[in-house]
Amino acid sequence: MDNFEEINQDNTQTAPQEQTQNNAAGNENSELIMGKFKSVDDLSNAYKNMETKHGQQSKELGELRKKAEILDKIQKQVSDFQENNKAIKEYIDKNAEKYNKDEYLKNPEFNNLYKEALIALGTNLDTDKFVSLLDSYVNSRISMYEKNQSAKSETENSKSQMQFSDSSPKAASKAIPKLDTLDDAQIDEVIAKYI
């Protein structure tokens, strides 16, 4: 029984102490501003920190939005590029059969020129017209070259057939003195020989 009385006494002594501690904690909580801040300065500092953090997050959000816009543009460009490539591939397949000859697509020079035209105009390139114009240009260049060669040949033939007299060309060139060293009477004599 003595033990029971001792336990009872201990409980009665501890109960008032716990109540005192609980009341102190309650008073302390009731003294905190908004249940967290001990003073107005603490609340003000917390608000400033929150504003700073909010500003940083707003800036980061703005940067992320810009990056998202750029990414959307890039994705659209990739999509457009893929669609364009598909259309060009179909276009080439359609025209390649017709012009897959040694003088056209199998010729590296023509092939490079055709690629450049296709890059510049895309599927708006009229391949038949392109080939026709290119053929006309090549034919005109060949014709011009042949005319030039013919003119050179005629000039050479004319030079070889030209003679001033029955004497050889060397003798004729030796017989003609320099006219700038002769007086008028001597020039008349030289001219008379050849008339």
Protein backbone atom coordinates (compact mmCIF):
# COMPACT_ATOMS: atom_id res chain seq x y z
CA MET A 1 0.00 0.00 0.00
CA ASP A 2 2.82 2.29 0.73
CA ASN A 3 3.87 1.90 -2.81
CA PHE A 4 0.45 2.84 -4.04
CA GLU A 5 0.47 6.05 -1.99
CA GLU A 6 3.90 6.95 -3.31
CA ILE A 7 2.75 6.51 -6.92
CA ASN A 8 -0.31 8.63 -6.20
CA GLN A 9 1.80 11.38 -4.72
CA ASP A 10 4.14 11.30 -7.72
CA ASN A 11 1.15 11.63 -10.12
CA THR A 12 -0.27 14.57 -8.25
CA GLN A 13 3.07 16.30 -8.28
CA THR A 14 3.76 15.73 -12.00
CA ALA A 15 0.28 16.72 -13.17
CA PRO A 16 0.59 20.36 -12.09
CA GLN A 17 4.06 20.56 -13.64
CA GLU A 18 2.79 19.31 -17.01
CA GLN A 19 -0.07 21.79 -16.93
CA THR A 20 2.37 24.60 -16.24
CA GLN A 21 4.56 23.56 -19.15
CA ASN A 22 1.55 23.18 -21.47
CA ASN A 23 0.27 26.62 -20.43
CA ALA A 24 3.70 28.15 -21.13
CA ALA A 25 3.80 26.54 -24.58
CA GLY A 26 0.25 27.71 -25.28
CA ASN A 27 1.13 31.24 -24.15
CA GLU A 28 4.25 31.13 -26.31
CA ASN A 29 2.19 30.02 -29.34
CA SER A 30 -0.39 32.68 -28.67
CA GLU A 31 2.38 35.28 -28.57
CA LEU A 32 3.75 34.22 -32.06
CA ILE A 33 2.50 36.24 -35.01
CA MET A 34 0.53 33.98 -37.34
CA GLY A 35 1.73 31.08 -35.23
CA LYS A 36 5.29 31.26 -36.65
CA PHE A 37 6.97 34.61 -36.13
CA LYS A 38 8.24 36.03 -32.86
CA SER A 39 8.28 39.64 -34.04
CA VAL A 40 7.13 41.94 -36.81
CA ASP A 41 10.74 42.13 -38.03
CA ASP A 42 10.80 38.33 -38.43
CA LEU A 43 7.54 38.51 -40.39
CA SER A 44 8.91 41.37 -42.55
CA ASN A 45 12.15 39.48 -43.29
CA ALA A 46 10.22 36.35 -44.16
CA TYR A 47 8.00 38.36 -46.53
CA LYS A 48 11.05 39.94 -48.23
CA ASN A 49 12.64 36.51 -48.65
CA MET A 50 9.40 35.21 -50.09
CA GLU A 51 9.24 38.12 -52.57
CA THR A 52 12.85 37.47 -53.66
CA LYS A 53 12.16 33.78 -54.14
CA HIS A 54 8.94 34.60 -56.04
CA GLY A 55 10.89 36.98 -58.33
CA GLN A 56 13.50 34.32 -59.07
CA GLN A 57 10.83 31.77 -59.82
CA SER A 58 9.00 34.23 -62.11
CA LYS A 59 12.25 34.91 -63.99
CA GLU A 60 12.95 31.18 -64.32
CA LEU A 61 9.38 30.60 -65.53
CA GLY A 62 9.78 33.34 -68.17
CA GLU A 63 13.03 31.77 -69.38
CA LEU A 64 11.40 28.35 -69.54
CA ARG A 65 8.51 29.79 -71.57
CA LYS A 66 10.98 31.34 -74.05
CA LYS A 67 12.80 28.02 -74.35
CA ALA A 68 9.50 26.24 -74.88
CA GLU A 69 8.62 28.68 -77.71
CA ILE A 70 12.01 28.11 -79.33
CA LEU A 71 11.56 24.36 -79.01
CA ASP A 72 8.11 24.61 -80.62
CA LYS A 73 9.59 26.59 -83.54
CA ILE A 74 12.37 24.04 -84.00
CA GLN A 75 9.89 21.17 -83.93
CA LYS A 76 7.77 22.95 -86.57
CA GLN A 77 10.84 23.53 -88.74
CA VAL A 78 11.81 19.86 -88.44
CA SER A 79 8.27 18.83 -89.32
CA ASP A 80 8.19 21.21 -92.32
CA PHE A 81 11.62 19.96 -93.42
CA GLN A 82 10.47 16.34 -93.26
CA GLU A 83 7.31 17.13 -95.24
CA ASN A 84 9.34 19.07 -97.82
CA ASN A 85 11.83 16.19 -98.14
CA LYS A 86 8.98 13.76 -98.65
CA ALA A 87 7.48 15.95 -101.39
CA ILE A 88 10.88 16.38 -103.07
CA LYS A 89 11.54 12.63 -102.93
CA GLU A 90 8.18 11.95 -104.60
CA TYR A 91 8.94 14.65 -107.19
CA ILE A 92 12.39 13.18 -107.96
CA ASP A 93 11.00 9.65 -108.20
CA LYS A 94 8.42 10.91 -110.71
CA ASN A 95 11.01 12.69 -112.90
CA ALA A 96 14.05 10.45 -112.40
CA GLU A 97 12.74 7.69 -114.63
CA LYS A 98 12.26 10.05 -117.57
CA TYR A 99 15.70 11.73 -117.31
CA ASN A 100 17.82 8.90 -115.91
CA LYS A 101 20.10 8.92 -118.96
CA ASP A 102 23.81 9.47 -119.51
CA GLU A 103 23.30 13.02 -120.79
CA TYR A 104 21.05 14.00 -117.88
CA LEU A 105 20.88 12.66 -114.32
CA LYS A 106 23.71 10.18 -114.81
CA ASN A 107 25.96 13.05 -115.87
CA PRO A 108 27.60 14.54 -112.72
CA GLU A 109 27.59 18.13 -114.04
CA PHE A 110 23.93 17.99 -115.01
CA ASN A 111 23.08 16.22 -111.75
CA ASN A 112 24.76 18.97 -109.68
CA LEU A 113 23.00 21.71 -111.64
CA TYR A 114 19.66 19.93 -111.25
CA LYS A 115 20.20 19.57 -107.48
CA GLU A 116 20.90 23.30 -107.14
CA ALA A 117 17.77 24.16 -109.14
CA LEU A 118 15.73 21.73 -107.04
CA ILE A 119 17.08 23.23 -103.79
CA ALA A 120 16.26 26.75 -105.02
CA LEU A 121 12.79 26.04 -106.40
CA GLY A 122 11.73 22.85 -104.63
CA THR A 123 8.79 21.10 -106.22
CA ASN A 124 7.99 24.29 -108.17
CA LEU A 125 10.78 23.33 -110.58
CA ASP A 126 9.39 22.34 -113.96
CA THR A 127 11.87 19.60 -114.89
CA ASP A 128 10.76 19.38 -118.53
CA LYS A 129 11.21 23.12 -119.02
CA PHE A 130 14.53 23.06 -117.13
CA VAL A 131 15.88 20.28 -119.37
CA SER A 132 14.58 21.98 -122.52
CA LEU A 133 16.21 25.32 -121.62
CA LEU A 134 19.45 23.60 -120.67
CA ASP A 135 19.49 21.66 -123.96
CA SER A 136 18.90 24.92 -125.87
CA TYR A 137 21.75 26.58 -124.02
CA VAL A 138 24.13 23.67 -124.70
CA ASN A 139 23.18 23.62 -128.39
CA SER A 140 23.76 27.36 -128.71
CA ARG A 141 27.20 27.01 -127.09
CA ILE A 142 28.10 24.16 -129.45
CA SER A 143 26.89 26.19 -132.45
CA MET A 144 28.89 29.22 -131.31
CA TYR A 145 32.01 27.07 -130.89
CA GLU A 146 31.57 25.53 -134.35
CA LYS A 147 31.14 28.99 -135.93
CA ASN A 148 34.25 30.22 -134.13
CA GLN A 149 36.25 27.22 -135.35
CA SER A 150 34.93 27.71 -138.90
CA ALA A 151 35.90 31.40 -138.84
CA LYS A 152 39.42 30.52 -137.65
CA SER A 153 39.75 27.94 -140.40
CA GLU A 154 38.61 30.39 -143.08
CA THR A 155 41.04 33.00 -141.81
CA GLU A 156 43.93 30.56 -141.99
CA ASN A 157 42.93 29.48 -145.51
CA SER A 158 42.68 33.11 -146.64
CA LYS A 159 46.09 33.93 -145.19
CA SER A 160 47.73 31.01 -146.96
CA GLN A 161 46.13 31.90 -150.33
CA MET A 162 47.03 35.59 -150.26
CA GLN A 163 49.87 36.63 -152.57
CA PHE A 164 50.94 40.09 -153.62
CA SER A 165 52.83 39.01 -156.72
CA ASP A 166 54.44 36.06 -158.44
CA SER A 167 57.33 36.21 -156.00
CA SER A 168 57.36 34.36 -152.76
CA PRO A 169 55.93 36.05 -149.70
CA LYS A 170 59.38 36.46 -148.16
CA ALA A 171 60.71 38.25 -151.23
CA ALA A 172 57.67 40.53 -151.31
CA SER A 173 58.12 41.47 -147.70
CA LYS A 174 61.82 42.26 -148.34
CA ALA A 175 60.99 44.33 -151.41
CA ILE A 176 58.67 46.69 -149.54
CA PRO A 177 60.72 49.31 -147.73
CA LYS A 178 59.50 51.11 -144.66
CA LEU A 179 57.29 53.88 -145.91
CA ASP A 180 58.01 56.24 -143.03
CA THR A 181 61.64 56.56 -144.21
CA LEU A 182 60.74 57.48 -147.83
CA ASP A 183 59.81 60.83 -149.31
CA ASP A 184 56.64 61.34 -151.37
CA ALA A 185 58.22 60.54 -154.74
CA GLN A 186 59.73 57.27 -153.47
CA ILE A 187 56.40 56.25 -151.91
CA ASP A 188 54.69 56.83 -155.29
CA GLU A 189 57.24 54.55 -156.99
CA VAL A 190 56.67 51.73 -154.46
CA ILE A 191 52.90 51.97 -154.82
CA ALA A 192 53.17 51.99 -158.62
CA LYS A 193 54.99 48.62 -158.54
CA TYR A 194 52.04 46.95 -156.88
CA ILE A 195 49.26 48.55 -158.90
